[in-house]
PDB file of N, CA and C in Angstrom:
ATOM      1  N   MET A   1      31.434  87.260  16.296  1.00  0.00           N
ATOM      2  CA  MET A   1      32.435  87.845  17.173  1.00  0.00           C
ATOM      3  C   MET A   1      33.796  87.229  16.849  1.00  0.00           C
ATOM      4  N   ASN A   2      34.837  88.069  16.795  1.00  0.00           N
ATOM      5  CA  ASN A   2      36.177  87.604  16.502  1.00  0.00           C
ATOM      6  C   ASN A   2      36.895  87.188  17.775  1.00  0.00           C
ATOM      7  N   ALA A   3      37.710  86.166  17.674  1.00  0.00           N
ATOM      8  CA  ALA A   3      38.520  85.737  18.815  1.00  0.00           C
ATOM      9  C   ALA A   3      39.637  86.747  19.030  1.00  0.00           C
ATOM     10  N   THR A   4      40.004  86.941  20.269  1.00  0.00           N
ATOM     11  CA  THR A   4      41.105  87.840  20.610  1.00  0.00           C
ATOM     12  C   THR A   4      42.183  87.028  21.302  1.00  0.00           C
ATOM     13  N   ASN A   5      43.401  87.216  20.868  1.00  0.00           N
ATOM     14  CA  ASN A   5      44.553  86.563  21.493  1.00  0.00           C
ATOM     15  C   ASN A   5      45.387  87.626  22.185  1.00  0.00           C
ATOM     16  N   VAL A   6      45.829  87.306  23.402  1.00  0.00           N
ATOM     17  CA  VAL A   6      46.641  88.225  24.190  1.00  0.00           C
ATOM     18  C   VAL A   6      47.922  87.518  24.585  1.00  0.00           C
ATOM     19  N   GLY A   7      49.038  88.200  24.426  1.00  0.00           N
ATOM     20  CA  GLY A   7      50.326  87.654  24.848  1.00  0.00           C
ATOM     21  C   GLY A   7      51.029  88.625  25.770  1.00  0.00           C
ATOM     22  N   LEU A   8      51.765  88.083  26.723  1.00  0.00           N
ATOM     23  CA  LEU A   8      52.569  88.895  27.639  1.00  0.00           C
ATOM     24  C   LEU A   8      53.968  88.316  27.679  1.00  0.00           C
ATOM     25  N   LEU A   9      54.946  89.153  27.414  1.00  0.00           N
ATOM     26  CA  LEU A   9      56.350  88.758  27.470  1.00  0.00           C
ATOM     27  C   LEU A   9      57.064  89.644  28.478  1.00  0.00           C
ATOM     28  N   LEU A  10      57.927  89.049  29.269  1.00  0.00           N
ATOM     29  CA  LEU A  10      58.803  89.792  30.169  1.00  0.00           C
ATOM     30  C   LEU A  10      60.225  89.498  29.730  1.00  0.00           C
ATOM     31  N   GLN A  11      60.970  90.538  29.362  1.00  0.00           N
ATOM     32  CA  GLN A  11      62.300  90.341  28.804  1.00  0.00           C
ATOM     33  C   GLN A  11      63.336  91.173  29.535  1.00  0.00           C
ATOM     34  N   GLU A  12      64.361  90.499  30.035  1.00  0.00           N
ATOM     35  CA  GLU A  12      65.498  91.183  30.650  1.00  0.00           C
ATOM     36  C   GLU A  12      66.450  91.662  29.557  1.00  0.00           C
ATOM     37  N   GLU A  13      67.169  92.711  29.874  1.00  0.00           N
ATOM     38  CA  GLU A  13      68.211  93.245  28.989  1.00  0.00           C
ATOM     39  C   GLU A  13      67.672  93.634  27.613  1.00  0.00           C
ATOM     40  N   GLN A  14      66.423  94.083  27.557  1.00  0.00           N
ATOM     41  CA  GLN A  14      65.813  94.579  26.318  1.00  0.00           C
ATOM     42  C   GLN A  14      65.116  95.897  26.648  1.00  0.00           C
ATOM     43  N   ARG A  15      65.511  96.968  26.002  1.00  0.00           N
ATOM     44  CA  ARG A  15      64.873  98.261  26.253  1.00  0.00           C
ATOM     45  C   ARG A  15      63.465  98.283  25.644  1.00  0.00           C
ATOM     46  N   TYR A  16      62.578  98.994  26.290  1.00  0.00           N
ATOM     47  CA  TYR A  16      61.189  99.078  25.834  1.00  0.00           C
ATOM     48  C   TYR A  16      61.074  99.696  24.441  1.00  0.00           C
ATOM     49  N   ASP A  17      62.016 100.554  24.067  1.00  0.00           N
ATOM     50  CA  ASP A  17      61.910 101.266  22.799  1.00  0.00           C
ATOM     51  C   ASP A  17      62.760 100.656  21.674  1.00  0.00           C
ATOM     52  N   SER A  18      63.279  99.452  21.893  1.00  0.00           N
ATOM     53  CA  SER A  18      64.012  98.783  20.811  1.00  0.00           C
ATOM     54  C   SER A  18      63.062  97.844  20.068  1.00  0.00           C
ATOM     55  N   ASP A  19      63.366  97.550  18.853  1.00  0.00           N
ATOM     56  CA  ASP A  19      62.597  96.627  18.021  1.00  0.00           C
ATOM     57  C   ASP A  19      61.210  97.132  17.651  1.00  0.00           C
ATOM     58  N   VAL A  20      61.019  98.428  17.521  1.00  0.00           N
ATOM     59  CA  VAL A  20      59.736  98.965  17.057  1.00  0.00           C
ATOM     60  C   VAL A  20      59.638  98.678  15.567  1.00  0.00           C
ATOM     61  N   LYS A  21      58.595  97.963  15.171  1.00  0.00           N
ATOM     62  CA  LYS A  21      58.474  97.518  13.774  1.00  0.00           C
ATOM     63  C   LYS A  21      57.811  98.564  12.874  1.00  0.00           C
ATOM     64  N   ASN A  22      56.740  99.176  13.348  1.00  0.00           N
ATOM     65  CA  ASN A  22      55.958 100.100  12.536  1.00  0.00           C
ATOM     66  C   ASN A  22      56.241 101.525  12.987  1.00  0.00           C
ATOM     67  N   THR A  23      57.445 102.020  12.711  1.00  0.00           N
ATOM     68  CA  THR A  23      57.871 103.318  13.227  1.00  0.00           C
ATOM     69  C   THR A  23      57.008 104.474  12.716  1.00  0.00           C
ATOM     70  N   ALA A  24      56.384 104.323  11.563  1.00  0.00           N
ATOM     71  CA  ALA A  24      55.554 105.394  11.014  1.00  0.00           C
ATOM     72  C   ALA A  24      54.295 105.614  11.853  1.00  0.00           C
ATOM     73  N   GLN A  25      53.797 104.582  12.517  1.00  0.00           N
ATOM     74  CA  GLN A  25      52.564 104.710  13.290  1.00  0.00           C
ATOM     75  C   GLN A  25      52.763 104.554  14.796  1.00  0.00           C
ATOM     76  N   ALA A  26      53.926 104.137  15.221  1.00  0.00           N
ATOM     77  CA  ALA A  26      54.171 103.929  16.657  1.00  0.00           C
ATOM     78  C   ALA A  26      54.108 105.257  17.391  1.00  0.00           C
ATOM     79  N   ARG A  27      53.665 105.182  18.649  1.00  0.00           N
ATOM     80  CA  ARG A  27      53.644 106.382  19.483  1.00  0.00           C
ATOM     81  C   ARG A  27      54.217 106.040  20.849  1.00  0.00           C
ATOM     82  N   SER A  28      54.890 107.011  21.432  1.00  0.00           N
ATOM     83  CA  SER A  28      55.438 106.797  22.766  1.00  0.00           C
ATOM     84  C   SER A  28      54.630 107.605  23.764  1.00  0.00           C
ATOM     85  N   GLY A  29      54.707 107.167  25.013  1.00  0.00           N
ATOM     86  CA  GLY A  29      53.978 107.848  26.069  1.00  0.00           C
ATOM     87  C   GLY A  29      54.429 107.324  27.412  1.00  0.00           C
ATOM     88  N   SER A  30      53.614 107.570  28.435  1.00  0.00           N
ATOM     89  CA  SER A  30      53.947 107.065  29.761  1.00  0.00           C
ATOM     90  C   SER A  30      52.682 106.787  30.552  1.00  0.00           C
ATOM     91  N   LEU A  31      52.813 105.822  31.437  1.00  0.00           N
ATOM     92  CA  LEU A  31      51.798 105.510  32.440  1.00  0.00           C
ATOM     93  C   LEU A  31      52.434 105.923  33.759  1.00  0.00           C
ATOM     94  N   GLY A  32      52.067 107.058  34.275  1.00  0.00           N
ATOM     95  CA  GLY A  32      52.762 107.574  35.453  1.00  0.00           C
ATOM     96  C   GLY A  32      54.220 107.797  35.110  1.00  0.00           C
ATOM     97  N   ASP A  33      55.120 107.105  35.815  1.00  0.00           N
ATOM     98  CA  ASP A  33      56.553 107.222  35.562  1.00  0.00           C
ATOM     99  C   ASP A  33      57.080 106.186  34.575  1.00  0.00           C
ATOM    100  N   ARG A  34      56.232 105.269  34.126  1.00  0.00           N
ATOM    101  CA  ARG A  34      56.678 104.175  33.258  1.00  0.00           C
ATOM    102  C   ARG A  34      56.486 104.553  31.780  1.00  0.00           C
ATOM    103  N   LYS A  35      57.576 104.521  31.029  1.00  0.00           N
ATOM    104  CA  LYS A  35      57.519 104.841  29.600  1.00  0.00           C
ATOM    105  C   LYS A  35      57.071 103.621  28.800  1.00  0.00           C
ATOM    106  N   PHE A  36      56.440 103.891  27.660  1.00  0.00           N
ATOM    107  CA  PHE A  36      55.999 102.808  26.784  1.00  0.00           C
ATOM    108  C   PHE A  36      56.026 103.258  25.323  1.00  0.00           C
ATOM    109  N   VAL A  37      55.966 102.271  24.432  1.00  0.00           N
ATOM    110  CA  VAL A  37      55.775 102.497  23.001  1.00  0.00           C
ATOM    111  C   VAL A  37      54.608 101.623  22.567  1.00  0.00           C
ATOM    112  N   GLU A  38      53.640 102.236  21.905  1.00  0.00           N
ATOM    113  CA  GLU A  38      52.505 101.494  21.338  1.00  0.00           C
ATOM    114  C   GLU A  38      52.742 101.361  19.843  1.00  0.00           C
ATOM    115  N   ASP A  39      52.677 100.154  19.346  1.00  0.00           N
ATOM    116  CA  ASP A  39      53.012  99.841  17.950  1.00  0.00           C
ATOM    117  C   ASP A  39      51.803  99.174  17.291  1.00  0.00           C
ATOM    118  N   PRO A  40      50.888  99.976  16.683  1.00  0.00           N
ATOM    119  CA  PRO A  40      49.708  99.394  16.044  1.00  0.00           C
ATOM    120  C   PRO A  40      50.067  98.684  14.742  1.00  0.00           C
ATOM    121  N   ALA A  41      49.356  97.597  14.473  1.00  0.00           N
ATOM    122  CA  ALA A  41      49.580  96.814  13.255  1.00  0.00           C
ATOM    123  C   ALA A  41      51.068  96.572  13.050  1.00  0.00           C
ATOM    124  N   GLU A  42      51.690  96.122  14.129  1.00  0.00           N
ATOM    125  CA  GLU A  42      53.149  95.994  14.208  1.00  0.00           C
ATOM    126  C   GLU A  42      53.770  95.307  12.997  1.00  0.00           C
ATOM    127  N   LEU A  43      53.200  94.229  12.567  1.00  0.00           N
ATOM    128  CA  LEU A  43      53.755  93.486  11.433  1.00  0.00           C
ATOM    129  C   LEU A  43      52.935  93.694  10.163  1.00  0.00           C
ATOM    130  N   GLY A  44      52.212  94.818  10.103  1.00  0.00           N
ATOM    131  CA  GLY A  44      51.396  95.124   8.943  1.00  0.00           C
ATOM    132  C   GLY A  44      50.073  94.387   8.923  1.00  0.00           C
ATOM    133  N   ALA A  45      49.715  93.771  10.032  1.00  0.00           N
ATOM    134  CA  ALA A  45      48.475  93.007  10.115  1.00  0.00           C
ATOM    135  C   ALA A  45      47.418  93.818  10.845  1.00  0.00           C
ATOM    136  N   ALA A  46      46.306  94.094  10.186  1.00  0.00           N
ATOM    137  CA  ALA A  46      45.199  94.783  10.836  1.00  0.00           C
ATOM    138  C   ALA A  46      44.717  93.957  12.015  1.00  0.00           C
ATOM    139  N   GLY A  47      44.290  94.634  13.064  1.00  0.00           N
ATOM    140  CA  GLY A  47      43.784  93.940  14.245  1.00  0.00           C
ATOM    141  C   GLY A  47      44.855  93.570  15.244  1.00  0.00           C
ATOM    142  N   GLN A  48      46.073  94.037  15.055  1.00  0.00           N
ATOM    143  CA  GLN A  48      47.168  93.717  15.968  1.00  0.00           C
ATOM    144  C   GLN A  48      47.701  94.998  16.593  1.00  0.00           C
ATOM    145  N   CYS A  49      48.057  94.922  17.875  1.00  0.00           N
ATOM    146  CA  CYS A  49      48.660  96.064  18.561  1.00  0.00           C
ATOM    147  C   CYS A  49      49.580  95.546  19.650  1.00  0.00           C
ATOM    148  N   THR A  50      50.730  96.188  19.789  1.00  0.00           N
ATOM    149  CA  THR A  50      51.709  95.805  20.796  1.00  0.00           C
ATOM    150  C   THR A  50      52.094  97.030  21.622  1.00  0.00           C
ATOM    151  N   ILE A  51      52.152  96.837  22.928  1.00  0.00           N
ATOM    152  CA  ILE A  51      52.659  97.872  23.825  1.00  0.00           C
ATOM    153  C   ILE A  51      53.868  97.292  24.551  1.00  0.00           C
ATOM    154  N   SER A  52      54.977  98.004  24.458  1.00  0.00           N
ATOM    155  CA  SER A  52      56.207  97.623  25.144  1.00  0.00           C
ATOM    156  C   SER A  52      56.448  98.638  26.252  1.00  0.00           C
ATOM    157  N   MET A  53      56.526  98.144  27.499  1.00  0.00           N
ATOM    158  CA  MET A  53      56.641  99.005  28.676  1.00  0.00           C
ATOM    159  C   MET A  53      58.007  98.857  29.328  1.00  0.00           C
ATOM    160  N   SER A  54      58.536  99.959  29.809  1.00  0.00           N
ATOM    161  CA  SER A  54      59.804  99.944  30.522  1.00  0.00           C
ATOM    162  C   SER A  54      59.644  99.260  31.875  1.00  0.00           C
ATOM    163  N   VAL A  55      60.572  98.362  32.178  1.00  0.00           N
ATOM    164  CA  VAL A  55      60.635  97.719  33.490  1.00  0.00           C
ATOM    165  C   VAL A  55      62.067  97.881  33.967  1.00  0.00           C
ATOM    166  N   GLN A  56      62.254  98.637  35.005  1.00  0.00           N
ATOM    167  CA  GLN A  56      63.570  99.013  35.492  1.00  0.00           C
ATOM    168  C   GLN A  56      64.343  99.677  34.366  1.00  0.00           C
ATOM    169  N   THR A  57      65.651  99.682  34.390  1.00  0.00           N
ATOM    170  CA  THR A  57      66.387 100.477  33.399  1.00  0.00           C
ATOM    171  C   THR A  57      66.612  99.778  32.069  1.00  0.00           C
ATOM    172  N   SER A  58      66.657  98.459  32.067  1.00  0.00           N
ATOM    173  CA  SER A  58      66.976  97.796  30.798  1.00  0.00           C
ATOM    174  C   SER A  58      66.162  96.527  30.569  1.00  0.00           C
ATOM    175  N   SER A  59      64.950  96.511  31.049  1.00  0.00           N
ATOM    176  CA  SER A  59      64.067  95.369  30.799  1.00  0.00           C
ATOM    177  C   SER A  59      62.716  95.887  30.334  1.00  0.00           C
ATOM    178  N   ARG A  60      61.872  94.984  29.830  1.00  0.00           N
ATOM    179  CA  ARG A  60      60.581  95.421  29.322  1.00  0.00           C
ATOM    180  C   ARG A  60      59.509  94.356  29.508  1.00  0.00           C
ATOM    181  N   ALA A  61      58.282  94.813  29.484  1.00  0.00           N
ATOM    182  CA  ALA A  61      57.105  93.955  29.433  1.00  0.00           C
ATOM    183  C   ALA A  61      56.403  94.292  28.122  1.00  0.00           C
ATOM    184  N   ILE A  62      56.022  93.263  27.376  1.00  0.00           N
ATOM    185  CA  ILE A  62      55.365  93.470  26.086  1.00  0.00           C
ATOM    186  C   ILE A  62      53.989  92.825  26.138  1.00  0.00           C
ATOM    187  N   ILE A  63      52.975  93.601  25.789  1.00  0.00           N
ATOM    188  CA  ILE A  63      51.614  93.091  25.664  1.00  0.00           C
ATOM    189  C   ILE A  63      51.262  93.132  24.190  1.00  0.00           C
ATOM    190  N   THR A  64      50.845  92.001  23.639  1.00  0.00           N
ATOM    191  CA  THR A  64      50.420  91.928  22.248  1.00  0.00           C
ATOM    192  C   THR A  64      48.978  91.450  22.197  1.00  0.00           C
ATOM    193  N   VAL A  65      48.160  92.172  21.448  1.00  0.00           N
ATOM    194  CA  VAL A  65      46.751  91.813  21.281  1.00  0.00           C
ATOM    195  C   VAL A  65      46.488  91.669  19.788  1.00  0.00           C
ATOM    196  N   THR A  66      45.897  90.562  19.392  1.00  0.00           N
ATOM    197  CA  THR A  66      45.488  90.350  18.004  1.00  0.00           C
ATOM    198  C   THR A  66      44.055  89.839  17.994  1.00  0.00           C
ATOM    199  N   GLY A  67      43.324  90.214  16.970  1.00  0.00           N
ATOM    200  CA  GLY A  67      41.961  89.719  16.831  1.00  0.00           C
ATOM    201  C   GLY A  67      41.167  90.542  15.842  1.00  0.00           C
ATOM    202  N   GLY A  68      40.559  89.881  14.890  1.00  0.00           N
ATOM    203  CA  GLY A  68      39.734  90.580  13.904  1.00  0.00           C
ATOM    204  C   GLY A  68      40.551  91.507  13.033  1.00  0.00           C
ATOM    205  N   ASN A  69      39.889  92.561  12.554  1.00  0.00           N
ATOM    206  CA  ASN A  69      40.549  93.531  11.675  1.00  0.00           C
ATOM    207  C   ASN A  69      40.576  94.928  12.263  1.00  0.00           C
ATOM    208  N   ASP A  70      40.168  95.086  13.520  1.00  0.00           N
ATOM    209  CA  ASP A  70      40.050  96.404  14.133  1.00  0.00           C
ATOM    210  C   ASP A  70      41.279  96.700  14.992  1.00  0.00           C
ATOM    211  N   THR A  71      42.250  97.360  14.383  1.00  0.00           N
ATOM    212  CA  THR A  71      43.495  97.685  15.084  1.00  0.00           C
ATOM    213  C   THR A  71      43.231  98.609  16.272  1.00  0.00           C
ATOM    214  N   ALA A  72      42.341  99.584  16.102  1.00  0.00           N
ATOM    215  CA  ALA A  72      42.042 100.514  17.199  1.00  0.00           C
ATOM    216  C   ALA A  72      41.482  99.772  18.408  1.00  0.00           C
ATOM    217  N   ALA A  73      40.618  98.794  18.184  1.00  0.00           N
ATOM    218  CA  ALA A  73      40.060  98.012  19.291  1.00  0.00           C
ATOM    219  C   ALA A  73      41.143  97.185  19.967  1.00  0.00           C
ATOM    220  N   SER A  74      42.054  96.620  19.189  1.00  0.00           N
ATOM    221  CA  SER A  74      43.162  95.851  19.774  1.00  0.00           C
ATOM    222  C   SER A  74      44.065  96.757  20.597  1.00  0.00           C
ATOM    223  N   CYS A  75      44.322  97.974  20.120  1.00  0.00           N
ATOM    224  CA  CYS A  75      45.149  98.918  20.881  1.00  0.00           C
ATOM    225  C   CYS A  75      44.439  99.336  22.163  1.00  0.00           C
ATOM    226  N   LYS A  76      43.146  99.532  22.119  1.00  0.00           N
ATOM    227  CA  LYS A  76      42.395  99.886  23.322  1.00  0.00           C
ATOM    228  C   LYS A  76      42.495  98.767  24.354  1.00  0.00           C
ATOM    229  N   THR A  77      42.355  97.513  23.917  1.00  0.00           N
ATOM    230  CA  THR A  77      42.498  96.373  24.829  1.00  0.00           C
ATOM    231  C   THR A  77      43.909  96.325  25.403  1.00  0.00           C
ATOM    232  N   ALA A  78      44.926  96.535  24.565  1.00  0.00           N
ATOM    233  CA  ALA A  78      46.317  96.531  25.033  1.00  0.00           C
ATOM    234  C   ALA A  78      46.554  97.658  26.039  1.00  0.00           C
ATOM    235  N   GLU A  79      45.981  98.830  25.792  1.00  0.00           N
ATOM    236  CA  GLU A  79      46.116  99.955  26.713  1.00  0.00           C
ATOM    237  C   GLU A  79      45.466  99.632  28.064  1.00  0.00           C
ATOM    238  N   ASP A  80      44.279  99.044  28.035  1.00  0.00           N
ATOM    239  CA  ASP A  80      43.589  98.657  29.275  1.00  0.00           C
ATOM    240  C   ASP A  80      44.418  97.656  30.065  1.00  0.00           C
ATOM    241  N   LEU A  81      44.993  96.675  29.371  1.00  0.00           N
ATOM    242  CA  LEU A  81      45.824  95.673  30.032  1.00  0.00           C
ATOM    243  C   LEU A  81      47.111  96.288  30.589  1.00  0.00           C
ATOM    244  N   ALA A  82      47.708  97.205  29.845  1.00  0.00           N
ATOM    245  CA  ALA A  82      48.935  97.874  30.314  1.00  0.00           C
ATOM    246  C   ALA A  82      48.660  98.665  31.596  1.00  0.00           C
ATOM    247  N   THR A  83      47.513  99.307  31.655  1.00  0.00           N
ATOM    248  CA  THR A  83      47.137 100.062  32.857  1.00  0.00           C
ATOM    249  C   THR A  83      47.000  99.141  34.060  1.00  0.00           C
ATOM    250  N   LYS A  84      46.443  97.964  33.841  1.00  0.00           N
ATOM    251  CA  LYS A  84      46.290  96.996  34.935  1.00  0.00           C
ATOM    252  C   LYS A  84      47.622  96.359  35.326  1.00  0.00           C
ATOM    253  N   LEU A  85      48.501  96.166  34.348  1.00  0.00           N
ATOM    254  CA  LEU A  85      49.791  95.539  34.605  1.00  0.00           C
ATOM    255  C   LEU A  85      50.780  96.486  35.281  1.00  0.00           C
ATOM    256  N   ASP A  86      50.700  97.753  34.969  1.00  0.00           N
ATOM    257  CA  ASP A  86      51.668  98.749  35.458  1.00  0.00           C
ATOM    258  C   ASP A  86      51.953  98.637  36.967  1.00  0.00           C
ATOM    259  N   PRO A  87      50.960  98.640  37.844  1.00  0.00           N
ATOM    260  CA  PRO A  87      51.291  98.606  39.284  1.00  0.00           C
ATOM    261  C   PRO A  87      51.899  97.284  39.757  1.00  0.00           C
ATOM    262  N   LEU A  88      51.839  96.253  38.944  1.00  0.00           N
ATOM    263  CA  LEU A  88      52.384  94.956  39.313  1.00  0.00           C
ATOM    264  C   LEU A  88      53.863  94.801  38.959  1.00  0.00           C
ATOM    265  N   LEU A  89      54.377  95.717  38.133  1.00  0.00           N
ATOM    266  CA  LEU A  89      55.757  95.639  37.657  1.00  0.00           C
ATOM    267  C   LEU A  89      56.697  96.438  38.543  1.00  0.00           C
ATOM    268  N   PRO A  90      57.971  96.014  38.648  1.00  0.00           N
ATOM    269  CA  PRO A  90      58.954  96.782  39.415  1.00  0.00           C
ATOM    270  C   PRO A  90      59.167  98.155  38.787  1.00  0.00           C
ATOM    271  N   LYS A  91      59.423  99.119  39.601  1.00  0.00           N
ATOM    272  CA  LYS A  91      59.744 100.480  39.130  1.00  0.00           C
ATOM    273  C   LYS A  91      61.246 100.608  38.955  1.00  0.00           C
ATOM    274  N   GLY A  92      61.635 101.676  38.316  1.00  0.00           N
ATOM    275  CA  GLY A  92      63.060 101.933  38.239  1.00  0.00           C
ATOM    276  C   GLY A  92      63.474 102.188  36.883  1.00  0.00           C
TER     277      GLY A  92
END
C-alpha cells in the first residue's frame, strides 16, 4: 500500500483559478455555488492532484493529495475532501 499525503492551504488575496500548472489537463467546475479548478499531476508527477476552491471573492482553499502513481485515485480523494470542506468555508 502506498502512503498518501494530504495538504490544505488557505490563502487570502489569491484567486482559485490563478497558478494552474497543468492547463492541458485541468478542469473547472463547481460544488454548489463554489467554483473550483482540479489540476491532476500538477507538477508532472503521477499520483498528484490539486483542487483549488474559491473562498469569498479573492481567496482560496487548496487541497493537494499525493501518493503512489495513481493520479485518478488522488483526484478522487481530493474531490471527496473538497466536498467535506465546502460547507466549512465562508461563502461569497
